[in-house]
Amino acid sequence: MLFGEYSKNINSQAVKMIQTANVKTGDSVEVYGVFSAWDIPQTLPEITPAKIIHAGGQ
């Protein structure tokens, strides 16, 4: 998550995008992200999605 007013708007847009993506378990998706964070020992980086693409569309 990002912080500040600008970041709050980016996070809000990302949450809406994730909620409307209609991705189901087993779907293949491509996520284009920005503003990553990687906290050790976390195995996967955290990204704020900028675009989500899957077989059902964008």
N, C-alpha and C. Protein backbone atom coordinates (compact mmCIF):
# COMPACT_ATOMS: atom_id res chain seq x y z
N MET A 1 0.83 -1.18 0.00
CA MET A 1 0.00 0.00 0.00
C MET A 1 0.87 1.24 0.00
N LEU A 2 0.39 2.24 -0.68
CA LEU A 2 1.07 3.53 -0.72
C LEU A 2 0.40 4.48 0.26
N PHE A 3 1.07 5.58 0.57
CA PHE A 3 0.54 6.52 1.56
C PHE A 3 0.43 7.92 0.98
N GLY A 4 -0.41 8.78 1.57
CA GLY A 4 -0.60 10.13 1.09
C GLY A 4 -1.83 10.20 0.19
N GLU A 5 -2.27 11.43 -0.15
CA GLU A 5 -3.47 11.62 -0.97
C GLU A 5 -3.33 11.01 -2.37
N TYR A 6 -2.21 11.28 -3.04
CA TYR A 6 -1.97 10.72 -4.38
C TYR A 6 -1.99 9.21 -4.31
N SER A 7 -1.32 8.67 -3.31
CA SER A 7 -1.24 7.22 -3.16
C SER A 7 -2.59 6.62 -2.82
N LYS A 8 -3.39 7.34 -2.03
CA LYS A 8 -4.71 6.84 -1.67
C LYS A 8 -5.57 6.66 -2.92
N ASN A 9 -5.47 7.58 -3.85
CA ASN A 9 -6.23 7.46 -5.10
C ASN A 9 -5.74 6.29 -5.94
N ILE A 10 -4.43 6.07 -6.01
CA ILE A 10 -3.88 4.93 -6.75
C ILE A 10 -4.34 3.63 -6.11
N ASN A 11 -4.26 3.54 -4.77
CA ASN A 11 -4.69 2.34 -4.08
C ASN A 11 -6.17 2.07 -4.29
N SER A 12 -6.99 3.11 -4.26
CA SER A 12 -8.42 2.97 -4.46
C SER A 12 -8.73 2.42 -5.85
N GLN A 13 -8.05 2.95 -6.86
CA GLN A 13 -8.23 2.46 -8.23
C GLN A 13 -7.80 1.00 -8.35
N ALA A 14 -6.70 0.64 -7.70
CA ALA A 14 -6.22 -0.74 -7.75
C ALA A 14 -7.20 -1.70 -7.09
N VAL A 15 -7.77 -1.31 -5.96
CA VAL A 15 -8.75 -2.15 -5.27
C VAL A 15 -9.97 -2.37 -6.15
N LYS A 16 -10.47 -1.32 -6.79
CA LYS A 16 -11.62 -1.44 -7.70
C LYS A 16 -11.29 -2.39 -8.85
N MET A 17 -10.07 -2.27 -9.39
CA MET A 17 -9.66 -3.12 -10.50
C MET A 17 -9.63 -4.59 -10.09
N ILE A 18 -9.11 -4.85 -8.91
CA ILE A 18 -9.03 -6.23 -8.42
C ILE A 18 -10.43 -6.79 -8.19
N GLN A 19 -11.31 -5.99 -7.60
CA GLN A 19 -12.67 -6.45 -7.30
C GLN A 19 -13.50 -6.71 -8.55
N THR A 20 -13.24 -5.98 -9.62
CA THR A 20 -14.03 -6.15 -10.85
C THR A 20 -13.38 -7.07 -11.87
N ALA A 21 -12.22 -7.63 -11.56
CA ALA A 21 -11.51 -8.49 -12.51
C ALA A 21 -12.20 -9.84 -12.69
N ASN A 22 -13.02 -10.25 -11.73
CA ASN A 22 -13.73 -11.53 -11.80
C ASN A 22 -12.80 -12.70 -12.08
N VAL A 23 -11.67 -12.71 -11.42
CA VAL A 23 -10.71 -13.80 -11.57
C VAL A 23 -11.11 -14.94 -10.65
N LYS A 24 -11.09 -16.15 -11.19
CA LYS A 24 -11.45 -17.33 -10.42
C LYS A 24 -10.22 -18.22 -10.24
N THR A 25 -10.26 -19.06 -9.24
CA THR A 25 -9.17 -19.99 -8.98
C THR A 25 -8.90 -20.80 -10.23
N GLY A 26 -7.64 -20.87 -10.64
CA GLY A 26 -7.24 -21.61 -11.82
C GLY A 26 -7.14 -20.77 -13.08
N ASP A 27 -7.67 -19.54 -13.05
CA ASP A 27 -7.55 -18.64 -14.20
C ASP A 27 -6.10 -18.21 -14.39
N SER A 28 -5.73 -18.02 -15.64
CA SER A 28 -4.41 -17.49 -15.96
C SER A 28 -4.54 -15.99 -16.14
N VAL A 29 -3.73 -15.23 -15.41
CA VAL A 29 -3.80 -13.78 -15.48
C VAL A 29 -2.41 -13.17 -15.65
N GLU A 30 -2.38 -11.99 -16.22
CA GLU A 30 -1.17 -11.18 -16.28
C GLU A 30 -1.46 -9.92 -15.49
N VAL A 31 -0.58 -9.58 -14.56
CA VAL A 31 -0.75 -8.37 -13.76
C VAL A 31 0.43 -7.46 -14.03
N TYR A 32 0.14 -6.27 -14.51
CA TYR A 32 1.17 -5.26 -14.71
C TYR A 32 1.10 -4.34 -13.51
N GLY A 33 2.17 -4.26 -12.76
CA GLY A 33 2.12 -3.51 -11.52
C GLY A 33 3.18 -2.44 -11.41
N VAL A 34 2.95 -1.58 -10.46
CA VAL A 34 3.87 -0.49 -10.16
C VAL A 34 4.02 -0.38 -8.65
N PHE A 35 5.00 0.40 -8.23
CA PHE A 35 5.21 0.68 -6.81
C PHE A 35 5.35 -0.60 -5.99
N SER A 36 6.32 -1.45 -6.32
CA SER A 36 6.48 -2.71 -5.60
C SER A 36 7.24 -2.52 -4.29
N ALA A 37 6.99 -3.43 -3.39
CA ALA A 37 7.71 -3.49 -2.12
C ALA A 37 8.06 -4.95 -1.86
N TRP A 38 9.23 -5.19 -1.36
CA TRP A 38 9.64 -6.57 -1.09
C TRP A 38 10.27 -6.62 0.28
N ASP A 39 9.49 -7.04 1.26
CA ASP A 39 9.96 -7.11 2.64
C ASP A 39 10.47 -8.51 2.93
N ILE A 40 11.73 -8.61 3.28
CA ILE A 40 12.32 -9.90 3.63
C ILE A 40 11.76 -10.31 5.00
N PRO A 41 11.35 -11.53 5.22
CA PRO A 41 11.50 -12.74 4.41
C PRO A 41 10.32 -13.04 3.50
N GLN A 42 9.51 -12.08 3.17
CA GLN A 42 8.37 -12.28 2.28
C GLN A 42 8.85 -12.88 0.96
N THR A 43 8.18 -13.93 0.49
CA THR A 43 8.65 -14.63 -0.71
C THR A 43 8.19 -13.97 -2.00
N LEU A 44 7.09 -13.23 -1.96
CA LEU A 44 6.59 -12.57 -3.16
C LEU A 44 6.53 -11.07 -2.93
N PRO A 45 6.86 -10.29 -3.94
CA PRO A 45 6.78 -8.83 -3.79
C PRO A 45 5.32 -8.36 -3.79
N GLU A 46 5.06 -7.23 -3.16
CA GLU A 46 3.73 -6.63 -3.19
C GLU A 46 3.71 -5.60 -4.31
N ILE A 47 2.66 -5.66 -5.13
CA ILE A 47 2.54 -4.68 -6.21
C ILE A 47 1.18 -4.03 -6.16
N THR A 48 1.10 -2.84 -6.68
CA THR A 48 -0.17 -2.17 -6.88
C THR A 48 -0.51 -2.36 -8.35
N PRO A 49 -1.56 -3.13 -8.66
CA PRO A 49 -1.88 -3.40 -10.06
C PRO A 49 -2.19 -2.14 -10.84
N ALA A 50 -1.65 -2.06 -12.04
CA ALA A 50 -1.96 -0.96 -12.95
C ALA A 50 -2.86 -1.48 -14.07
N LYS A 51 -2.78 -2.80 -14.31
CA LYS A 51 -3.58 -3.42 -15.37
C LYS A 51 -3.65 -4.91 -15.08
N ILE A 52 -4.83 -5.50 -15.22
CA ILE A 52 -5.02 -6.93 -15.05
C ILE A 52 -5.62 -7.46 -16.34
N ILE A 53 -4.97 -8.46 -16.93
CA ILE A 53 -5.46 -9.05 -18.18
C ILE A 53 -5.69 -10.55 -17.95
N HIS A 54 -6.85 -11.05 -18.37
CA HIS A 54 -7.10 -12.49 -18.34
C HIS A 54 -8.02 -12.84 -19.49
N ALA A 55 -8.29 -14.11 -19.63
CA ALA A 55 -9.04 -14.59 -20.80
C ALA A 55 -10.39 -13.90 -20.96
N GLY A 56 -10.99 -13.46 -19.86
CA GLY A 56 -12.29 -12.82 -19.92
C GLY A 56 -12.25 -11.35 -20.32
N GLY A 57 -11.08 -10.82 -20.58
CA GLY A 57 -10.95 -9.41 -20.94
C GLY A 57 -10.16 -8.64 -19.91
N GLN A 58 -10.20 -7.31 -19.99
CA GLN A 58 -9.43 -6.47 -19.06
C GLN A 58 -10.35 -5.86 -18.02
